[in-house]
C-alpha cells in the first residue's frame, strides 16, 4: 500500500529516549528517535494489537 502523506496519524512520537539502568551500566537503547505511523500504514498494525510494554517509565 503506498504512503498517503495526508493520512491521519495513528501514532506520533518525538524525541523518544529509552535507557536501561543497572548497577553495572546504563544502556541507551534508543536516543532521540522521531516517527509517525498513519492509520492506513501496514507497519502500524502492531500499534493496535500490541500489549502494554513491560518496561517501566522513569522521569
N, C-alpha and C. Protein backbone atom coordinates (compact mmCIF):
# COMPACT_ATOMS: atom_id res chain seq x y z
N UNK A 1 0.85 -1.17 0.00
CA UNK A 1 0.00 0.00 0.00
C UNK A 1 0.90 1.24 0.00
N UNK A 2 0.69 2.18 -0.90
CA UNK A 2 1.51 3.39 -0.95
C UNK A 2 1.24 4.30 0.25
N UNK A 3 2.26 5.06 0.61
CA UNK A 3 2.15 6.00 1.72
C UNK A 3 1.27 7.17 1.31
N UNK A 4 0.34 7.55 2.17
CA UNK A 4 -0.56 8.69 1.94
C UNK A 4 -0.15 9.81 2.88
N UNK A 5 0.54 10.86 2.39
CA UNK A 5 1.00 11.94 3.28
C UNK A 5 -0.12 12.67 3.98
N UNK A 6 -1.35 12.60 3.46
CA UNK A 6 -2.48 13.28 4.09
C UNK A 6 -3.21 12.43 5.11
N UNK A 7 -2.77 11.19 5.32
CA UNK A 7 -3.47 10.29 6.25
C UNK A 7 -3.32 10.77 7.69
N UNK A 8 -4.35 10.53 8.48
CA UNK A 8 -4.35 10.92 9.89
C UNK A 8 -3.36 10.03 10.66
N UNK A 9 -2.50 10.63 11.51
CA UNK A 9 -1.55 9.83 12.28
C UNK A 9 -2.25 8.93 13.29
N UNK A 10 -1.81 7.69 13.39
CA UNK A 10 -2.28 6.78 14.42
C UNK A 10 -1.38 6.91 15.64
N UNK A 11 -0.07 7.01 15.39
CA UNK A 11 0.93 7.18 16.45
C UNK A 11 1.93 8.22 15.99
N UNK A 12 2.24 9.17 16.85
CA UNK A 12 3.27 10.16 16.54
C UNK A 12 4.17 10.29 17.77
N UNK A 13 5.46 10.05 17.59
CA UNK A 13 6.44 10.08 18.68
C UNK A 13 7.56 11.03 18.30
N UNK A 14 7.96 11.89 19.23
CA UNK A 14 9.05 12.83 19.00
C UNK A 14 10.03 12.76 20.17
N UNK A 15 11.31 12.61 19.87
CA UNK A 15 12.35 12.63 20.88
C UNK A 15 12.33 11.45 21.84
N UNK A 16 12.00 10.27 21.35
CA UNK A 16 11.94 9.08 22.21
C UNK A 16 13.33 8.69 22.70
N UNK A 17 13.46 8.54 24.01
CA UNK A 17 14.71 8.09 24.63
C UNK A 17 14.37 6.92 25.55
N UNK A 18 15.11 5.82 25.42
CA UNK A 18 14.92 4.66 26.29
C UNK A 18 16.28 4.25 26.82
N UNK A 19 16.38 4.16 28.16
CA UNK A 19 17.62 3.72 28.80
C UNK A 19 17.29 2.60 29.77
N UNK A 20 18.19 1.64 29.86
CA UNK A 20 18.08 0.57 30.84
C UNK A 20 19.26 0.73 31.79
N UNK A 21 18.94 0.89 33.08
CA UNK A 21 19.96 1.16 34.09
C UNK A 21 20.10 -0.04 35.01
N UNK A 22 21.35 -0.45 35.23
CA UNK A 22 21.65 -1.49 36.20
C UNK A 22 22.77 -0.98 37.10
N UNK A 23 23.19 -1.77 38.05
CA UNK A 23 24.30 -1.35 38.91
C UNK A 23 25.59 -1.23 38.13
N UNK A 24 25.74 -2.03 37.10
CA UNK A 24 26.98 -2.06 36.33
C UNK A 24 27.06 -1.01 35.23
N UNK A 25 25.92 -0.69 34.61
CA UNK A 25 25.98 0.21 33.44
C UNK A 25 24.60 0.76 33.10
N UNK A 26 24.62 1.81 32.29
CA UNK A 26 23.41 2.35 31.68
C UNK A 26 23.52 2.12 30.18
N UNK A 27 22.50 1.50 29.60
CA UNK A 27 22.49 1.21 28.16
C UNK A 27 21.46 2.12 27.51
N UNK A 28 21.89 2.91 26.54
CA UNK A 28 20.98 3.75 25.76
C UNK A 28 20.45 2.91 24.61
N UNK A 29 19.23 2.42 24.76
CA UNK A 29 18.64 1.57 23.74
C UNK A 29 18.12 2.40 22.56
N UNK A 30 17.55 3.55 22.85
CA UNK A 30 17.01 4.46 21.84
C UNK A 30 17.35 5.87 22.29
N UNK A 31 17.80 6.71 21.36
CA UNK A 31 18.22 8.05 21.72
C UNK A 31 17.72 9.07 20.70
N UNK A 32 16.66 9.81 21.05
CA UNK A 32 16.17 10.90 20.20
C UNK A 32 15.50 10.46 18.92
N UNK A 33 14.68 9.42 18.96
CA UNK A 33 14.02 8.91 17.75
C UNK A 33 12.67 9.60 17.55
N UNK A 34 12.39 10.00 16.32
CA UNK A 34 11.09 10.57 15.92
C UNK A 34 10.47 9.64 14.89
N UNK A 35 9.15 9.39 15.02
CA UNK A 35 8.47 8.64 13.96
C UNK A 35 6.97 8.90 14.03
N UNK A 36 6.32 8.69 12.88
CA UNK A 36 4.87 8.82 12.76
C UNK A 36 4.36 7.63 11.96
N UNK A 37 3.29 7.01 12.44
CA UNK A 37 2.64 5.93 11.71
C UNK A 37 1.22 6.37 11.39
N UNK A 38 0.84 6.26 10.12
CA UNK A 38 -0.50 6.63 9.69
C UNK A 38 -1.46 5.47 9.91
N UNK A 39 -2.75 5.76 10.00
CA UNK A 39 -3.77 4.72 10.21
C UNK A 39 -3.75 3.67 9.12
N UNK A 40 -3.47 4.07 7.88
CA UNK A 40 -3.51 3.12 6.77
C UNK A 40 -2.14 2.51 6.47
N UNK A 41 -1.15 2.74 7.32
CA UNK A 41 0.21 2.20 7.11
C UNK A 41 0.24 0.76 7.62
N UNK A 42 0.61 -0.21 6.77
CA UNK A 42 0.64 -1.61 7.21
C UNK A 42 1.57 -1.85 8.40
N UNK A 43 2.62 -1.07 8.54
CA UNK A 43 3.53 -1.27 9.67
C UNK A 43 2.93 -0.79 10.98
N UNK A 44 1.77 -0.12 10.94
CA UNK A 44 1.13 0.38 12.16
C UNK A 44 0.24 -0.68 12.81
N UNK A 45 0.10 -1.84 12.22
CA UNK A 45 -0.80 -2.86 12.78
C UNK A 45 -0.38 -3.28 14.17
N UNK A 46 0.91 -3.23 14.51
CA UNK A 46 1.36 -3.58 15.86
C UNK A 46 0.84 -2.60 16.89
N UNK A 47 0.63 -1.35 16.51
CA UNK A 47 0.18 -0.33 17.47
C UNK A 47 -1.24 -0.61 17.95
N UNK A 48 -2.05 -1.24 17.13
CA UNK A 48 -3.42 -1.56 17.52
C UNK A 48 -3.49 -2.87 18.29
N UNK A 49 -2.55 -3.78 18.08
CA UNK A 49 -2.64 -5.12 18.65
C UNK A 49 -1.64 -5.39 19.76
N UNK A 50 -0.61 -4.56 19.92
CA UNK A 50 0.46 -4.86 20.89
C UNK A 50 -0.03 -4.68 22.32
N UNK A 51 0.38 -5.61 23.21
CA UNK A 51 0.05 -5.43 24.62
C UNK A 51 0.92 -4.32 25.22
N UNK A 52 0.58 -3.88 26.41
CA UNK A 52 1.36 -2.83 27.08
C UNK A 52 2.79 -3.28 27.30
N UNK A 53 3.70 -2.34 27.22
CA UNK A 53 5.12 -2.63 27.42
C UNK A 53 5.39 -3.02 28.86
N UNK A 54 6.37 -3.87 29.06
CA UNK A 54 6.77 -4.26 30.41
C UNK A 54 7.90 -3.38 30.93
N UNK A 55 8.40 -2.47 30.12
CA UNK A 55 9.45 -1.55 30.58
C UNK A 55 8.80 -0.46 31.43
N UNK A 56 9.45 -0.10 32.51
CA UNK A 56 8.94 0.96 33.37
C UNK A 56 9.42 2.31 32.85
N UNK A 57 8.59 3.30 32.97
CA UNK A 57 8.97 4.66 32.59
C UNK A 57 9.46 5.39 33.81
N UNK A 58 10.65 5.97 33.71
CA UNK A 58 11.20 6.75 34.80
C UNK A 58 11.35 8.19 34.36
N UNK A 59 11.11 9.11 35.24
CA UNK A 59 11.26 10.52 34.91
C UNK A 59 12.38 11.10 35.69
